[in-house]
C-alpha atoms as a PDB file:
ATOM      1  CA  UNK A   1       0.000   0.000   0.000  1.00  0.00           C
ATOM      2  CA  UNK A   2       1.464   3.370  -1.000  1.00  0.00           C
ATOM      3  CA  UNK A   3       1.749   5.978   1.704  1.00  0.00           C
ATOM      4  CA  UNK A   4      -0.039   9.223   1.041  1.00  0.00           C
ATOM      5  CA  UNK A   5       1.336  12.478   2.305  1.00  0.00           C
ATOM      6  CA  UNK A   6      -1.125  15.089   3.465  1.00  0.00           C
ATOM      7  CA  UNK A   7      -0.111  18.642   4.146  1.00  0.00           C
ATOM      8  CA  UNK A   8      -0.795  19.800   7.644  1.00  0.00           C
ATOM      9  CA  UNK A   9      -3.021  22.829   8.063  1.00  0.00           C
ATOM     10  CA  UNK A  10      -0.093  24.515   9.818  1.00  0.00           C
ATOM     11  CA  UNK A  11       2.217  24.000   6.840  1.00  0.00           C
ATOM     12  CA  UNK A  12       1.381  26.520   4.166  1.00  0.00           C
ATOM     13  CA  UNK A  13       3.332  27.639   1.137  1.00  0.00           C
ATOM     14  CA  UNK A  14       5.402  30.781   1.617  1.00  0.00           C
ATOM     15  CA  UNK A  15       3.602  33.725   0.118  1.00  0.00           C
ATOM     16  CA  UNK A  16       5.500  36.377  -1.788  1.00  0.00           C
ATOM     17  CA  UNK A  17       5.050  38.997   0.928  1.00  0.00           C
ATOM     18  CA  UNK A  18       5.891  36.685   3.857  1.00  0.00           C
ATOM     19  CA  UNK A  19       9.635  36.627   3.259  1.00  0.00           C
ATOM     20  CA  UNK A  20      10.122  40.416   3.638  1.00  0.00           C
ATOM     21  CA  UNK A  21       7.919  40.432   6.741  1.00  0.00           C
ATOM     22  CA  UNK A  22       9.839  37.586   8.319  1.00  0.00           C
ATOM     23  CA  UNK A  23      13.107  39.355   7.558  1.00  0.00           C
ATOM     24  CA  UNK A  24      11.783  42.559   9.141  1.00  0.00           C
ATOM     25  CA  UNK A  25      10.654  40.617  12.226  1.00  0.00           C
ATOM     26  CA  UNK A  26      14.056  38.946  12.449  1.00  0.00           C
ATOM     27  CA  UNK A  27      15.886  42.281  12.285  1.00  0.00           C
ATOM     28  CA  UNK A  28      13.644  43.871  14.906  1.00  0.00           C
ATOM     29  CA  UNK A  29      13.981  40.849  17.211  1.00  0.00           C
ATOM     30  CA  UNK A  30      17.760  41.200  16.966  1.00  0.00           C
ATOM     31  CA  UNK A  31      17.502  44.923  17.747  1.00  0.00           C
ATOM     32  CA  UNK A  32      15.451  44.081  20.848  1.00  0.00           C
ATOM     33  CA  UNK A  33      18.103  41.541  21.851  1.00  0.00           C
ATOM     34  CA  UNK A  34      20.768  44.238  21.534  1.00  0.00           C
ATOM     35  CA  UNK A  35      18.697  46.788  23.443  1.00  0.00           C
ATOM     36  CA  UNK A  36      18.267  44.281  26.272  1.00  0.00           C
ATOM     37  CA  UNK A  37      22.030  44.000  26.710  1.00  0.00           C
ATOM     38  CA  UNK A  38      22.602  40.857  24.614  1.00  0.00           C
ATOM     39  CA  UNK A  39      21.085  38.755  27.391  1.00  0.00           C
ATOM     40  CA  UNK A  40      20.449  35.192  26.269  1.00  0.00           C
ATOM     41  CA  UNK A  41      17.269  33.269  27.013  1.00  0.00           C
ATOM     42  CA  UNK A  42      14.736  35.821  25.796  1.00  0.00           C
ATOM     43  CA  UNK A  43      14.703  34.971  22.101  1.00  0.00           C
ATOM     44  CA  UNK A  44      11.040  33.936  22.034  1.00  0.00           C
ATOM     45  CA  UNK A  45      10.005  37.086  23.881  1.00  0.00           C
ATOM     46  CA  UNK A  46      11.973  39.236  21.457  1.00  0.00           C
ATOM     47  CA  UNK A  47      10.559  37.402  18.448  1.00  0.00           C
ATOM     48  CA  UNK A  48       6.975  37.658  19.725  1.00  0.00           C
ATOM     49  CA  UNK A  49       7.345  41.374  20.446  1.00  0.00           C
ATOM     50  CA  UNK A  50       8.931  42.035  17.057  1.00  0.00           C
ATOM     51  CA  UNK A  51       6.222  40.026  15.309  1.00  0.00           C
ATOM     52  CA  UNK A  52       3.503  41.912  17.192  1.00  0.00           C
ATOM     53  CA  UNK A  53       4.982  45.302  16.254  1.00  0.00           C
ATOM     54  CA  UNK A  54       5.525  44.461  12.582  1.00  0.00           C
ATOM     55  CA  UNK A  55       2.113  42.859  12.080  1.00  0.00           C
ATOM     56  CA  UNK A  56       0.407  45.702  13.948  1.00  0.00           C
ATOM     57  CA  UNK A  57       2.108  48.196  11.629  1.00  0.00           C
ATOM     58  CA  UNK A  58       1.249  46.208   8.493  1.00  0.00           C
ATOM     59  CA  UNK A  59      -2.372  45.635   9.518  1.00  0.00           C
ATOM     60  CA  UNK A  60      -2.754  49.290  10.463  1.00  0.00           C
ATOM     61  CA  UNK A  61      -1.472  50.330   7.050  1.00  0.00           C
ATOM     62  CA  UNK A  62      -3.842  47.978   5.209  1.00  0.00           C
ATOM     63  CA  UNK A  63      -6.915  49.230   7.145  1.00  0.00           C
ATOM     64  CA  UNK A  64      -6.433  52.851   6.028  1.00  0.00           C
END
Protein backbone atom coordinates (compact mmCIF):
# COMPACT_ATOMS: atom_id res chain seq x y z
CA UNK A 1 0.00 0.00 0.00
CA UNK A 2 1.46 3.37 -1.00
CA UNK A 3 1.75 5.98 1.70
CA UNK A 4 -0.04 9.22 1.04
CA UNK A 5 1.34 12.48 2.31
CA UNK A 6 -1.12 15.09 3.46
CA UNK A 7 -0.11 18.64 4.15
CA UNK A 8 -0.80 19.80 7.64
CA UNK A 9 -3.02 22.83 8.06
CA UNK A 10 -0.09 24.52 9.82
CA UNK A 11 2.22 24.00 6.84
CA UNK A 12 1.38 26.52 4.17
CA UNK A 13 3.33 27.64 1.14
CA UNK A 14 5.40 30.78 1.62
CA UNK A 15 3.60 33.72 0.12
CA UNK A 16 5.50 36.38 -1.79
CA UNK A 17 5.05 39.00 0.93
CA UNK A 18 5.89 36.68 3.86
CA UNK A 19 9.64 36.63 3.26
CA UNK A 20 10.12 40.42 3.64
CA UNK A 21 7.92 40.43 6.74
CA UNK A 22 9.84 37.59 8.32
CA UNK A 23 13.11 39.35 7.56
CA UNK A 24 11.78 42.56 9.14
CA UNK A 25 10.65 40.62 12.23
CA UNK A 26 14.06 38.95 12.45
CA UNK A 27 15.89 42.28 12.29
CA UNK A 28 13.64 43.87 14.91
CA UNK A 29 13.98 40.85 17.21
CA UNK A 30 17.76 41.20 16.97
CA UNK A 31 17.50 44.92 17.75
CA UNK A 32 15.45 44.08 20.85
CA UNK A 33 18.10 41.54 21.85
CA UNK A 34 20.77 44.24 21.53
CA UNK A 35 18.70 46.79 23.44
CA UNK A 36 18.27 44.28 26.27
CA UNK A 37 22.03 44.00 26.71
CA UNK A 38 22.60 40.86 24.61
CA UNK A 39 21.09 38.75 27.39
CA UNK A 40 20.45 35.19 26.27
CA UNK A 41 17.27 33.27 27.01
CA UNK A 42 14.74 35.82 25.80
CA UNK A 43 14.70 34.97 22.10
CA UNK A 44 11.04 33.94 22.03
CA UNK A 45 10.00 37.09 23.88
CA UNK A 46 11.97 39.24 21.46
CA UNK A 47 10.56 37.40 18.45
CA UNK A 48 6.98 37.66 19.72
CA UNK A 49 7.34 41.37 20.45
CA UNK A 50 8.93 42.04 17.06
CA UNK A 51 6.22 40.03 15.31
CA UNK A 52 3.50 41.91 17.19
CA UNK A 53 4.98 45.30 16.25
CA UNK A 54 5.53 44.46 12.58
CA UNK A 55 2.11 42.86 12.08
CA UNK A 56 0.41 45.70 13.95
CA UNK A 57 2.11 48.20 11.63
CA UNK A 58 1.25 46.21 8.49
CA UNK A 59 -2.37 45.63 9.52
CA UNK A 60 -2.75 49.29 10.46
CA UNK A 61 -1.47 50.33 7.05
CA UNK A 62 -3.84 47.98 5.21
CA UNK A 63 -6.92 49.23 7.15
CA UNK A 64 -6.43 52.85 6.03
